[in-house]
Amino acid sequence: MNPFTFTQARDIDAALSQLASGEARAIAGGTNLIDLMKGGVMRPGRLVDINGLGLDRIEDGPNGGLRLGALARNADTAYHETVRSRYPLLSAAMLAAASPQLRNMASNGGNLLQRTRCHYFYDVGTPCNKREPGTGCPAKEGLNRQLAILGTSEHCIATHPSDMCVALRALDAVVHVRSAKGERDIAIADFHRLPGDRPDIDTTLEPGELITHIDLPDADRFKAHSAYIKVRDRLSYAFALVSVAAALDMDGKTIRAARIALGGVAHKPWRVEEAESALTGKSPDENAFGAAADILLRGAQGYGQNDFKLTLARNAIVQALTTAARGTDYARGEQR
């Protein structure tokens, strides 16, 4: 690990002043950043501890929604009474992530900024366009079982690892950021990037910007019919091969509206609104769900070891929508 300086920011203006330097990185739980530093993947010259900034509240937001502080821990968010009752999709996704110990430390803002778990990205002894642009992407012909089938480029087929972000994408969350230059809001749809020719850039954050909170719009119409399905190699502490956040607004046996987001398949949480529109007015059956899955997966491409994801993703989408149609309590395994 390279040497670095460590400071604690006492207020947000002091933190933003320090983060304006390109060599500084904010640290909260550190559950991803420290691993990256240990492996030599990231080498910040300064760490700025932001845990004392008071950005850990979960409270009512504008227009009937909910505001999640960037420094609220994943566990506290997932188990928060309001999150569980009004946004069960988010609670389920967060509880499917990592381990209890990691959820106790990881922050909401840090979760948004997780970096890929591609083997080549973590192995500094191999080429990786995401780590060092222009060096190549050996994953395309190598170990790619866990990697992307959608939104890839010739430069990168990495996936985004977050479960929380998949639910946030389905819920149309908005990320609020602040820098020494001012504040701005970023729709979650625009927060993460596809790799294109700059896979080393994960998000649309500008240098020196700090996530302060995440706003969830009112989603009461979806809370009774939601499900988060995560397919992985073992039951816990494993990243998704494919995950699906599904939510339905039902009028009896008719779908009024749908939200579907995928994880484990792209460089960012994947959502295609055309697939959701195709379900409007339909009965919640396998034919309708399969048709929506086919729209979601248009253009999907495997790279050998991950070809199985093409079938797995379609099956997971149908399963998630079927489970959501039965009701959120059913998805949780609770008696209705």
Protein backbone atom coordinates (compact mmCIF):
# COMPACT_ATOMS: atom_id res chain seq x y z
CA MET A 1 0.00 0.00 0.00
CA ASN A 2 1.35 3.44 -0.93
CA PRO A 3 1.80 6.01 1.86
CA PHE A 4 -1.04 8.50 2.34
CA THR A 5 -2.16 11.18 4.76
CA PHE A 6 -5.33 10.87 6.81
CA THR A 7 -7.48 13.76 8.01
CA GLN A 8 -10.87 14.06 9.66
CA ALA A 9 -13.24 16.67 8.29
CA ARG A 10 -15.21 18.48 11.00
CA ASP A 11 -17.67 20.17 8.65
CA ILE A 12 -18.73 19.78 5.04
CA ASP A 13 -16.97 22.92 3.80
CA ALA A 14 -13.65 21.64 5.17
CA ALA A 15 -14.25 18.27 3.55
CA LEU A 16 -15.05 19.83 0.17
CA SER A 17 -11.96 22.00 0.37
CA GLN A 18 -9.77 18.95 0.89
CA LEU A 19 -11.55 16.89 -1.76
CA ALA A 20 -10.99 19.60 -4.34
CA SER A 21 -7.48 18.17 -4.61
CA GLY A 22 -7.40 15.39 -7.18
CA GLU A 23 -5.30 13.17 -4.89
CA ALA A 24 -7.85 13.08 -2.04
CA ARG A 25 -10.62 10.51 -1.55
CA ALA A 26 -13.47 10.57 0.94
CA ILE A 27 -13.73 7.58 3.27
CA ALA A 28 -16.74 6.50 5.33
CA GLY A 29 -17.05 2.75 5.92
CA GLY A 30 -14.13 2.01 3.59
CA THR A 31 -15.43 -1.48 2.79
CA ASN A 32 -14.42 -1.22 -0.88
CA LEU A 33 -11.84 1.56 -0.91
CA ILE A 34 -9.51 -0.06 1.61
CA ASP A 35 -9.50 -3.33 -0.34
CA LEU A 36 -8.62 -1.42 -3.51
CA MET A 37 -5.80 0.38 -1.71
CA LYS A 38 -4.42 -2.85 -0.24
CA GLY A 39 -4.25 -4.35 -3.72
CA GLY A 40 -2.64 -1.28 -5.25
CA VAL A 41 -5.63 -0.68 -7.54
CA MET A 42 -6.24 2.78 -6.12
CA ARG A 43 -3.51 4.96 -4.64
CA PRO A 44 -4.97 8.12 -3.14
CA GLY A 45 -2.48 10.44 -1.56
CA ARG A 46 -4.96 11.57 1.08
CA LEU A 47 -7.99 10.08 2.80
CA VAL A 48 -10.58 12.45 4.21
CA ASP A 49 -12.74 10.89 6.94
CA ILE A 50 -16.25 12.28 6.43
CA ASN A 51 -18.06 10.34 9.16
CA GLY A 52 -18.46 13.45 11.32
CA LEU A 53 -20.43 15.47 8.76
CA GLY A 54 -23.89 14.54 10.04
CA LEU A 55 -25.08 13.11 6.73
CA ASP A 56 -26.51 9.97 8.29
CA ARG A 57 -30.18 10.83 8.77
CA ILE A 58 -33.12 9.03 7.17
CA GLU A 59 -36.10 11.38 7.03
CA ASP A 60 -39.13 12.42 5.03
CA GLY A 61 -38.19 13.91 1.71
CA PRO A 62 -39.97 16.24 -0.70
CA ASN A 63 -43.26 15.30 -2.41
CA GLY A 64 -44.05 12.40 -0.12
CA GLY A 65 -40.77 10.61 -0.66
CA LEU A 66 -37.88 9.65 1.61
CA ARG A 67 -34.39 11.10 2.00
CA LEU A 68 -31.49 8.74 2.74
CA GLY A 69 -28.35 10.28 4.16
CA ALA A 70 -25.19 9.37 2.29
CA LEU A 71 -23.51 8.34 5.54
CA ALA A 72 -26.38 6.22 6.86
CA ARG A 73 -25.13 2.67 7.10
CA ASN A 74 -26.58 0.02 4.81
CA ALA A 75 -27.89 -2.03 7.74
CA ASP A 76 -29.59 0.95 9.38
CA THR A 77 -31.20 1.84 6.06
CA ALA A 78 -32.38 -1.68 5.23
CA TYR A 79 -33.94 -2.19 8.67
CA HIS A 80 -35.39 1.32 9.00
CA GLU A 81 -39.12 1.04 9.67
CA THR A 82 -40.07 3.51 6.94
CA VAL A 83 -37.84 1.86 4.35
CA ARG A 84 -39.23 -1.58 5.16
CA SER A 85 -42.86 -0.44 5.03
CA ARG A 86 -42.80 2.05 2.13
CA TYR A 87 -39.83 0.80 0.06
CA PRO A 88 -39.67 -2.97 0.68
CA LEU A 89 -37.89 -3.46 -2.65
CA LEU A 90 -34.94 -1.41 -1.43
CA SER A 91 -34.84 -3.13 1.94
CA ALA A 92 -34.83 -6.57 0.29
CA ALA A 93 -32.06 -5.62 -2.12
CA MET A 94 -29.85 -4.24 0.63
CA LEU A 95 -30.33 -7.26 2.86
CA ALA A 96 -29.29 -9.50 -0.04
CA ALA A 97 -25.93 -7.73 -0.22
CA ALA A 98 -22.58 -8.60 1.36
CA SER A 99 -22.58 -9.84 4.96
CA PRO A 100 -24.09 -8.40 8.16
CA GLN A 101 -20.67 -7.13 9.24
CA LEU A 102 -20.12 -5.29 5.97
CA ARG A 103 -23.66 -3.85 5.96
CA ASN A 104 -23.00 -2.49 9.43
CA MET A 105 -20.03 -0.50 8.10
CA ALA A 106 -20.86 0.31 4.47
CA SER A 107 -22.45 3.70 3.80
CA ASN A 108 -25.17 4.49 1.30
CA GLY A 109 -22.95 6.93 -0.58
CA GLY A 110 -20.10 4.43 -0.67
CA ASN A 111 -22.43 1.78 -2.04
CA LEU A 112 -23.13 3.98 -5.05
CA LEU A 113 -19.39 4.25 -5.69
CA GLN A 114 -18.47 0.57 -5.53
CA ARG A 115 -16.09 -0.55 -8.23
CA THR A 116 -16.29 -3.71 -10.30
CA ARG A 117 -15.15 -7.07 -8.95
CA CYS A 118 -13.68 -8.15 -12.31
CA HIS A 119 -10.65 -10.38 -11.65
CA TYR A 120 -8.45 -8.44 -14.06
CA PHE A 121 -9.33 -5.08 -12.51
CA TYR A 122 -8.17 -6.34 -9.11
CA ASP A 123 -5.04 -8.05 -10.44
CA VAL A 124 -2.51 -5.26 -11.00
CA GLY A 125 -0.23 -7.75 -12.73
CA THR A 126 -2.59 -8.03 -15.71
CA PRO A 127 -3.75 -5.49 -18.31
CA CYS A 128 -7.09 -3.78 -17.66
CA ASN A 129 -8.61 -0.84 -19.53
CA LYS A 130 -10.70 0.02 -16.49
CA ARG A 131 -7.62 0.34 -14.32
CA GLU A 132 -5.23 1.63 -17.01
CA PRO A 133 -6.95 2.77 -20.23
CA GLY A 134 -5.34 1.51 -23.39
CA THR A 135 -3.81 -1.64 -21.92
CA GLY A 136 -6.52 -4.04 -23.12
CA CYS A 137 -9.39 -6.17 -21.81
CA PRO A 138 -8.27 -9.78 -21.31
CA ALA A 139 -11.65 -10.60 -19.75
CA LYS A 140 -13.26 -10.75 -23.19
CA GLU A 141 -11.29 -13.92 -23.99
CA GLY A 142 -10.52 -14.98 -20.42
CA LEU A 143 -12.29 -15.28 -17.06
CA ASN A 144 -15.64 -13.67 -17.79
CA ARG A 145 -18.19 -15.94 -16.08
CA GLN A 146 -19.45 -13.13 -13.83
CA LEU A 147 -19.17 -10.31 -16.34
CA ALA A 148 -21.53 -8.27 -18.50
CA ILE A 149 -23.83 -9.28 -21.32
CA LEU A 150 -25.41 -5.85 -21.89
CA GLY A 151 -24.03 -2.36 -22.57
CA THR A 152 -20.48 -3.58 -23.11
CA SER A 153 -17.85 -2.02 -25.35
CA GLU A 154 -14.73 -3.30 -27.07
CA HIS A 155 -12.81 -1.82 -24.14
CA CYS A 156 -14.61 -3.35 -21.14
CA ILE A 157 -17.17 -5.98 -20.11
CA ALA A 158 -17.12 -5.31 -16.36
CA THR A 159 -20.26 -5.27 -14.21
CA HIS A 160 -21.38 -2.97 -11.42
CA PRO A 161 -21.61 -5.01 -8.19
CA SER A 162 -24.20 -3.13 -6.10
CA ASP A 163 -27.55 -4.61 -5.07
CA MET A 164 -28.80 -1.36 -3.56
CA CYS A 165 -28.27 0.51 -6.82
CA VAL A 166 -30.45 -1.95 -8.75
CA ALA A 167 -33.39 -1.16 -6.46
CA LEU A 168 -32.63 2.57 -6.58
CA ARG A 169 -32.73 2.42 -10.38
CA ALA A 170 -36.14 0.73 -10.31
CA LEU A 171 -37.38 3.35 -7.84
CA ASP A 172 -36.13 6.37 -9.86
CA ALA A 173 -33.93 7.68 -7.06
CA VAL A 174 -32.10 11.01 -7.31
CA VAL A 175 -28.55 11.48 -6.02
CA HIS A 176 -27.69 14.85 -4.50
CA VAL A 177 -24.07 16.00 -4.59
CA ARG A 178 -22.15 19.03 -3.42
CA SER A 179 -18.76 20.54 -4.17
CA ALA A 180 -16.97 23.80 -3.51
CA LYS A 181 -18.65 25.06 -6.70
CA GLY A 182 -22.21 24.33 -5.52
CA GLU A 183 -24.88 21.64 -5.48
CA ARG A 184 -26.59 19.55 -8.15
CA ASP A 185 -28.99 16.63 -8.48
CA ILE A 186 -28.29 13.56 -10.62
CA ALA A 187 -30.99 11.08 -11.59
CA ILE A 188 -29.84 7.56 -10.73
CA ALA A 189 -30.31 6.68 -14.41
CA ASP A 190 -27.55 9.17 -15.23
CA PHE A 191 -25.28 8.57 -12.24
CA HIS A 192 -23.47 5.44 -13.47
CA ARG A 193 -21.84 5.20 -16.90
CA LEU A 194 -21.53 2.52 -19.51
CA PRO A 195 -17.88 1.79 -20.34
CA GLY A 196 -17.66 3.19 -23.87
CA ASP A 197 -14.07 4.17 -24.59
CA ARG A 198 -13.45 5.35 -20.96
CA PRO A 199 -14.22 2.37 -18.75
CA ASP A 200 -12.01 3.85 -16.04
CA ILE A 201 -14.73 6.43 -15.31
CA ASP A 202 -17.55 4.78 -13.34
CA THR A 203 -19.89 7.69 -12.66
CA THR A 204 -20.81 11.20 -13.76
CA LEU A 205 -19.49 12.71 -10.52
CA GLU A 206 -17.17 15.63 -11.13
CA PRO A 207 -13.83 15.88 -9.29
CA GLY A 208 -14.35 17.24 -5.78
CA GLU A 209 -18.06 16.36 -5.60
CA LEU A 210 -19.40 14.61 -2.50
CA ILE A 211 -22.67 12.67 -2.28
CA THR A 212 -24.81 14.18 0.49
CA HIS A 213 -28.08 12.26 0.23
CA ILE A 214 -30.34 10.15 -1.96
CA ASP A 215 -33.99 11.04 -2.54
CA LEU A 216 -36.64 8.40 -3.21
CA PRO A 217 -39.90 9.55 -4.81
CA ASP A 218 -43.23 8.40 -3.43
CA ALA A 219 -43.57 4.73 -4.44
CA ASP A 220 -46.60 3.66 -2.42
CA ARG A 221 -48.32 2.25 -5.48
CA PHE A 222 -45.55 -0.33 -5.86
CA LYS A 223 -45.05 -1.40 -2.24
CA ALA A 224 -47.66 -4.19 -2.24
CA HIS A 225 -46.15 -6.00 -5.24
CA SER A 226 -42.37 -6.01 -5.28
CA ALA A 227 -39.59 -8.59 -5.27
CA TYR A 228 -35.81 -8.68 -5.40
CA ILE A 229 -34.38 -11.87 -6.89
CA LYS A 230 -30.63 -12.45 -6.64
CA VAL A 231 -29.03 -15.45 -8.32
CA ARG A 232 -25.51 -16.15 -7.01
CA ASP A 233 -23.08 -18.96 -6.44
CA ARG A 234 -23.89 -19.28 -2.73
CA LEU A 235 -26.69 -18.06 -0.49
CA SER A 236 -24.82 -15.17 1.16
CA TYR A 237 -21.76 -12.97 0.83
CA ALA A 238 -21.60 -13.38 -2.95
CA PHE A 239 -22.10 -10.95 -5.82
CA ALA A 240 -24.99 -11.44 -8.20
CA LEU A 241 -24.64 -13.43 -11.37
CA VAL A 242 -28.00 -11.88 -12.21
CA SER A 243 -30.33 -9.88 -10.00
CA VAL A 244 -33.75 -8.39 -10.69
CA ALA A 245 -35.64 -5.62 -8.89
CA ALA A 246 -39.28 -5.85 -9.91
CA ALA A 247 -42.26 -3.79 -8.79
CA LEU A 248 -45.83 -3.76 -10.08
CA ASP A 249 -48.79 -1.45 -9.61
CA MET A 250 -51.78 -3.79 -9.80
CA ASP A 251 -55.49 -3.11 -10.34
CA GLY A 252 -56.97 -6.45 -9.45
CA LYS A 253 -55.56 -8.82 -12.07
CA THR A 254 -54.31 -6.07 -14.38
CA ILE A 255 -50.90 -4.39 -14.38
CA ARG A 256 -51.21 -0.60 -14.30
CA ALA A 257 -47.46 0.06 -14.24
CA ALA A 258 -44.20 -1.84 -13.84
CA ARG A 259 -40.61 -1.19 -12.86
CA ILE A 260 -37.81 -3.65 -13.69
CA ALA A 261 -34.06 -3.21 -13.17
CA LEU A 262 -31.29 -5.76 -13.60
CA GLY A 263 -27.99 -6.20 -11.80
CA GLY A 264 -24.98 -8.39 -12.55
CA VAL A 265 -25.39 -7.91 -16.31
CA ALA A 266 -23.94 -4.50 -17.16
CA HIS A 267 -21.56 -1.71 -16.15
CA LYS A 268 -24.54 0.01 -14.48
CA PRO A 269 -27.97 -1.10 -13.25
CA TRP A 270 -29.91 -1.97 -16.41
CA ARG A 271 -33.41 -0.74 -17.13
CA VAL A 272 -35.38 -0.49 -20.38
CA GLU A 273 -38.61 1.48 -20.01
CA GLU A 274 -40.05 -0.05 -23.18
CA ALA A 275 -40.15 -3.40 -21.38
CA GLU A 276 -42.14 -1.84 -18.55
CA SER A 277 -44.58 -0.17 -20.93
CA ALA A 278 -45.17 -3.52 -22.62
CA LEU A 279 -46.69 -4.80 -19.35
CA THR A 280 -49.18 -1.95 -18.94
CA GLY A 281 -52.74 -3.25 -19.19
CA LYS A 282 -51.61 -6.88 -19.29
CA SER A 283 -52.49 -9.78 -17.04
CA PRO A 284 -49.60 -10.92 -14.82
CA ASP A 285 -48.77 -14.15 -16.60
CA GLU A 286 -45.69 -15.91 -17.91
CA ASN A 287 -46.30 -14.87 -21.52
CA ALA A 288 -46.43 -11.18 -20.65
CA PHE A 289 -43.41 -11.45 -18.36
CA GLY A 290 -41.42 -13.38 -20.95
CA ALA A 291 -42.15 -10.75 -23.60
CA ALA A 292 -40.96 -8.01 -21.24
CA ALA A 293 -37.80 -10.01 -20.51
CA ASP A 294 -37.07 -10.34 -24.23
CA ILE A 295 -37.26 -6.54 -24.61
CA LEU A 296 -35.00 -6.01 -21.60
CA LEU A 297 -32.40 -8.38 -23.01
CA ARG A 298 -32.31 -7.12 -26.59
CA GLY A 299 -28.73 -6.99 -27.80
CA ALA A 300 -27.41 -9.16 -24.97
CA GLN A 301 -24.18 -10.95 -25.82
CA GLY A 302 -22.19 -13.58 -23.99
CA TYR A 303 -18.41 -13.96 -24.11
CA GLY A 304 -18.06 -17.69 -23.64
CA GLN A 305 -18.00 -18.49 -19.95
CA ASN A 306 -20.94 -16.15 -19.26
CA ASP A 307 -23.18 -17.32 -22.12
CA PHE A 308 -25.41 -19.02 -19.52
CA LYS A 309 -26.45 -15.57 -18.30
CA LEU A 310 -28.56 -15.08 -21.42
CA THR A 311 -30.96 -17.80 -20.29
CA LEU A 312 -30.47 -17.17 -16.58
CA ALA A 313 -31.38 -13.49 -16.89
CA ARG A 314 -34.59 -14.21 -18.77
CA ASN A 315 -35.67 -16.82 -16.23
CA ALA A 316 -34.81 -14.51 -13.32
CA ILE A 317 -36.87 -11.66 -14.80
CA VAL A 318 -39.92 -13.91 -15.20
CA GLN A 319 -39.44 -15.29 -11.69
CA ALA A 320 -39.11 -11.83 -10.13
CA LEU A 321 -42.20 -10.49 -11.88
CA THR A 322 -44.20 -13.61 -10.98
CA THR A 323 -43.15 -13.28 -7.34
CA ALA A 324 -43.95 -9.56 -7.29
CA ALA A 325 -47.41 -10.23 -8.73
CA ARG A 326 -48.12 -12.61 -5.83
CA GLY A 327 -47.36 -9.83 -3.35
CA THR A 328 -44.50 -8.34 -1.35
CA ASP A 329 -45.31 -10.43 1.73
CA TYR A 330 -45.01 -13.58 -0.40
CA ALA A 331 -41.63 -12.39 -1.70
CA ARG A 332 -40.47 -11.90 1.89
CA GLY A 333 -41.64 -15.39 2.84
CA GLU A 334 -44.19 -13.95 5.25
CA GLN A 335 -47.78 -15.04 5.80
CA ARG A 336 -50.32 -12.62 4.36
